[in-house]
Amino acid sequence: MHNNSYKKFGNESEERAIRFLEESEFAIVERNFYAKKLGEIDIIAQKEGILHFIEVKSTSNSSYEPIYNITPTKLRRIINSAHYYLKSKKLDKAFCIDAMVVTPDAVELIENITL
């Protein structure tokens, strides 16, 4: 895939993830939140008073599990970015770190990921 194709595919996957979340009664709070020197959080959503910091992983290959792209280092960055977000917005809320896996056939939310 060409670089623009990857970006387009990533954007389309994120749109599918957003639709899935909205249909599951999540309120989208923010998208592509960038925490200085820490990284980006793809989607921040809220449901039942809990903030969900969501990393979207996608693949066009049905035999590959993109969840494996979330390494311990990546997970630490997401957690640190979540703390940065809460501090910068002066929020004291319950939160969890989730992953969304988008494949050609399905969209799956995996709540409270840990390694």
C-alpha atoms as a PDB file:
ATOM      1  CA  MET A   1       0.000   0.000   0.000  1.00  0.00           C
ATOM      2  CA  HIS A   2       1.159   3.504  -0.801  1.00  0.00           C
ATOM      3  CA  ASN A   3       1.502   5.968   2.118  1.00  0.00           C
ATOM      4  CA  ASN A   4      -1.712   7.820   1.141  1.00  0.00           C
ATOM      5  CA  SER A   5      -3.501   4.473   0.881  1.00  0.00           C
ATOM      6  CA  TYR A   6      -2.442   3.601   4.449  1.00  0.00           C
ATOM      7  CA  LYS A   7      -3.715   6.954   5.713  1.00  0.00           C
ATOM      8  CA  LYS A   8      -7.026   6.575   3.845  1.00  0.00           C
ATOM      9  CA  PHE A   9      -7.428   3.008   5.127  1.00  0.00           C
ATOM     10  CA  GLY A  10      -6.634   4.172   8.683  1.00  0.00           C
ATOM     11  CA  ASN A  11      -9.161   7.013   8.439  1.00  0.00           C
ATOM     12  CA  GLU A  12     -11.848   4.666   7.099  1.00  0.00           C
ATOM     13  CA  SER A  13     -11.129   2.189   9.908  1.00  0.00           C
ATOM     14  CA  GLU A  14     -11.410   4.968  12.480  1.00  0.00           C
ATOM     15  CA  GLU A  15     -14.750   6.061  10.972  1.00  0.00           C
ATOM     16  CA  ARG A  16     -16.043   2.480  11.257  1.00  0.00           C
ATOM     17  CA  ALA A  17     -14.863   2.408  14.883  1.00  0.00           C
ATOM     18  CA  ILE A  18     -16.658   5.714  15.623  1.00  0.00           C
ATOM     19  CA  ARG A  19     -19.918   4.413  14.092  1.00  0.00           C
ATOM     20  CA  PHE A  20     -19.643   1.216  16.154  1.00  0.00           C
ATOM     21  CA  LEU A  21     -19.108   3.208  19.361  1.00  0.00           C
ATOM     22  CA  GLU A  22     -21.996   5.572  18.654  1.00  0.00           C
ATOM     23  CA  GLU A  23     -24.286   2.612  17.923  1.00  0.00           C
ATOM     24  CA  SER A  24     -23.139   1.146  21.280  1.00  0.00           C
ATOM     25  CA  GLU A  25     -24.236   4.339  23.069  1.00  0.00           C
ATOM     26  CA  PHE A  26     -20.773   5.814  23.594  1.00  0.00           C
ATOM     27  CA  ALA A  27     -20.450   9.600  23.380  1.00  0.00           C
ATOM     28  CA  ILE A  28     -17.390  10.630  21.380  1.00  0.00           C
ATOM     29  CA  VAL A  29     -15.454  13.196  23.428  1.00  0.00           C
ATOM     30  CA  GLU A  30     -12.401  13.719  21.259  1.00  0.00           C
ATOM     31  CA  ARG A  31     -10.512  12.227  18.329  1.00  0.00           C
ATOM     32  CA  ASN A  32      -6.787  12.092  17.660  1.00  0.00           C
ATOM     33  CA  PHE A  33      -5.788  13.739  20.934  1.00  0.00           C
ATOM     34  CA  TYR A  34      -2.077  14.463  20.835  1.00  0.00           C
ATOM     35  CA  ALA A  35      -0.223  14.463  24.159  1.00  0.00           C
ATOM     36  CA  LYS A  36       3.101  16.278  23.834  1.00  0.00           C
ATOM     37  CA  LYS A  37       6.048  13.870  23.622  1.00  0.00           C
ATOM     38  CA  LEU A  38       3.821  10.963  24.624  1.00  0.00           C
ATOM     39  CA  GLY A  39       1.765  10.104  21.586  1.00  0.00           C
ATOM     40  CA  GLU A  40      -1.724  10.167  20.236  1.00  0.00           C
ATOM     41  CA  ILE A  41      -4.964   8.681  21.492  1.00  0.00           C
ATOM     42  CA  ASP A  42      -7.169   7.709  18.545  1.00  0.00           C
ATOM     43  CA  ILE A  43     -10.555   8.079  20.247  1.00  0.00           C
ATOM     44  CA  ILE A  44     -11.693   9.308  23.642  1.00  0.00           C
ATOM     45  CA  ALA A  45     -15.269   8.291  24.362  1.00  0.00           C
ATOM     46  CA  GLN A  46     -17.537   8.203  27.378  1.00  0.00           C
ATOM     47  CA  LYS A  47     -20.183   5.767  28.492  1.00  0.00           C
ATOM     48  CA  GLU A  48     -21.920   5.582  31.859  1.00  0.00           C
ATOM     49  CA  GLY A  49     -19.534   8.136  33.388  1.00  0.00           C
ATOM     50  CA  ILE A  50     -16.381   6.273  32.407  1.00  0.00           C
ATOM     51  CA  LEU A  51     -13.862   7.700  29.939  1.00  0.00           C
ATOM     52  CA  HIS A  52     -12.537   5.214  27.407  1.00  0.00           C
ATOM     53  CA  PHE A  53      -9.159   5.915  25.796  1.00  0.00           C
ATOM     54  CA  ILE A  54      -9.282   3.820  22.657  1.00  0.00           C
ATOM     55  CA  GLU A  55      -6.483   2.675  20.367  1.00  0.00           C
ATOM     56  CA  VAL A  56      -7.775   1.650  16.928  1.00  0.00           C
ATOM     57  CA  LYS A  57      -5.920  -1.123  15.125  1.00  0.00           C
ATOM     58  CA  SER A  58      -6.940  -2.300  11.687  1.00  0.00           C
ATOM     59  CA  THR A  59      -5.923  -4.665   8.952  1.00  0.00           C
ATOM     60  CA  SER A  60      -7.095  -5.475   5.468  1.00  0.00           C
ATOM     61  CA  ASN A  61      -5.866  -9.048   5.991  1.00  0.00           C
ATOM     62  CA  SER A  62      -8.459 -11.212   7.748  1.00  0.00           C
ATOM     63  CA  SER A  63      -5.851 -13.770   8.845  1.00  0.00           C
ATOM     64  CA  TYR A  64      -3.769 -11.215  10.814  1.00  0.00           C
ATOM     65  CA  GLU A  65      -4.703  -9.930  14.291  1.00  0.00           C
ATOM     66  CA  PRO A  66      -3.775  -6.215  14.505  1.00  0.00           C
ATOM     67  CA  ILE A  67      -4.175  -6.272  18.301  1.00  0.00           C
ATOM     68  CA  TYR A  68      -0.610  -7.635  18.399  1.00  0.00           C
ATOM     69  CA  ASN A  69       0.597  -4.211  17.242  1.00  0.00           C
ATOM     70  CA  ILE A  70      -0.137  -2.888  20.730  1.00  0.00           C
ATOM     71  CA  THR A  71       3.200  -3.486  22.420  1.00  0.00           C
ATOM     72  CA  PRO A  72       3.970  -2.910  26.113  1.00  0.00           C
ATOM     73  CA  THR A  73       5.728   0.345  25.101  1.00  0.00           C
ATOM     74  CA  LYS A  74       2.696   1.495  23.087  1.00  0.00           C
ATOM     75  CA  LEU A  75       0.364   0.635  25.959  1.00  0.00           C
ATOM     76  CA  ARG A  76       2.532   2.639  28.399  1.00  0.00           C
ATOM     77  CA  ARG A  77       2.372   5.630  26.018  1.00  0.00           C
ATOM     78  CA  ILE A  78      -1.419   5.376  25.839  1.00  0.00           C
ATOM     79  CA  ILE A  79      -1.689   5.203  29.639  1.00  0.00           C
ATOM     80  CA  ASN A  80       0.658   8.185  30.051  1.00  0.00           C
ATOM     81  CA  SER A  81      -1.293  10.108  27.396  1.00  0.00           C
ATOM     82  CA  ALA A  82      -4.552   9.319  29.237  1.00  0.00           C
ATOM     83  CA  HIS A  83      -3.105  10.718  32.470  1.00  0.00           C
ATOM     84  CA  TYR A  84      -1.868  13.791  30.569  1.00  0.00           C
ATOM     85  CA  TYR A  85      -5.358  14.289  29.089  1.00  0.00           C
ATOM     86  CA  LEU A  86      -7.062  14.047  32.494  1.00  0.00           C
ATOM     87  CA  LYS A  87      -4.569  16.465  34.046  1.00  0.00           C
ATOM     88  CA  SER A  88      -4.731  18.969  31.171  1.00  0.00           C
ATOM     89  CA  LYS A  89      -8.549  18.971  31.277  1.00  0.00           C
ATOM     90  CA  LYS A  90      -8.597  19.005  35.104  1.00  0.00           C
ATOM     91  CA  LEU A  91     -10.756  15.882  35.168  1.00  0.00           C
ATOM     92  CA  ASP A  92     -11.026  13.367  37.974  1.00  0.00           C
ATOM     93  CA  LYS A  93     -12.896  10.529  36.292  1.00  0.00           C
ATOM     94  CA  ALA A  94     -12.826   6.784  36.129  1.00  0.00           C
ATOM     95  CA  PHE A  95     -11.209   5.612  32.898  1.00  0.00           C
ATOM     96  CA  CYS A  96     -10.029   2.558  31.068  1.00  0.00           C
ATOM     97  CA  ILE A  97      -7.772   1.820  28.125  1.00  0.00           C
ATOM     98  CA  ASP A  98      -9.489  -0.048  25.306  1.00  0.00           C
ATOM     99  CA  ALA A  99      -8.581  -1.339  21.881  1.00  0.00           C
ATOM    100  CA  MET A 100     -10.742  -1.542  18.800  1.00  0.00           C
ATOM    101  CA  VAL A 101      -9.902  -4.072  16.148  1.00  0.00           C
ATOM    102  CA  VAL A 102     -11.211  -3.275  12.685  1.00  0.00           C
ATOM    103  CA  THR A 103     -11.003  -5.980  10.015  1.00  0.00           C
ATOM    104  CA  PRO A 104     -12.760  -6.252   6.657  1.00  0.00           C
ATOM    105  CA  ASP A 105     -15.429  -8.416   8.329  1.00  0.00           C
ATOM    106  CA  ALA A 106     -15.877  -6.950  11.805  1.00  0.00           C
ATOM    107  CA  VAL A 107     -15.358  -4.228  14.376  1.00  0.00           C
ATOM    108  CA  GLU A 108     -14.573  -5.412  17.885  1.00  0.00           C
ATOM    109  CA  LEU A 109     -14.146  -3.436  21.108  1.00  0.00           C
ATOM    110  CA  ILE A 110     -11.781  -4.958  23.652  1.00  0.00           C
ATOM    111  CA  GLU A 111     -12.276  -3.133  26.941  1.00  0.00           C
ATOM    112  CA  ASN A 112      -9.658  -2.638  29.636  1.00  0.00           C
ATOM    113  CA  ILE A 113      -6.636  -4.007  27.811  1.00  0.00           C
ATOM    114  CA  THR A 114      -3.540  -4.994  29.721  1.00  0.00           C
ATOM    115  CA  LEU A 115      -0.473  -6.922  28.768  1.00  0.00           C
END
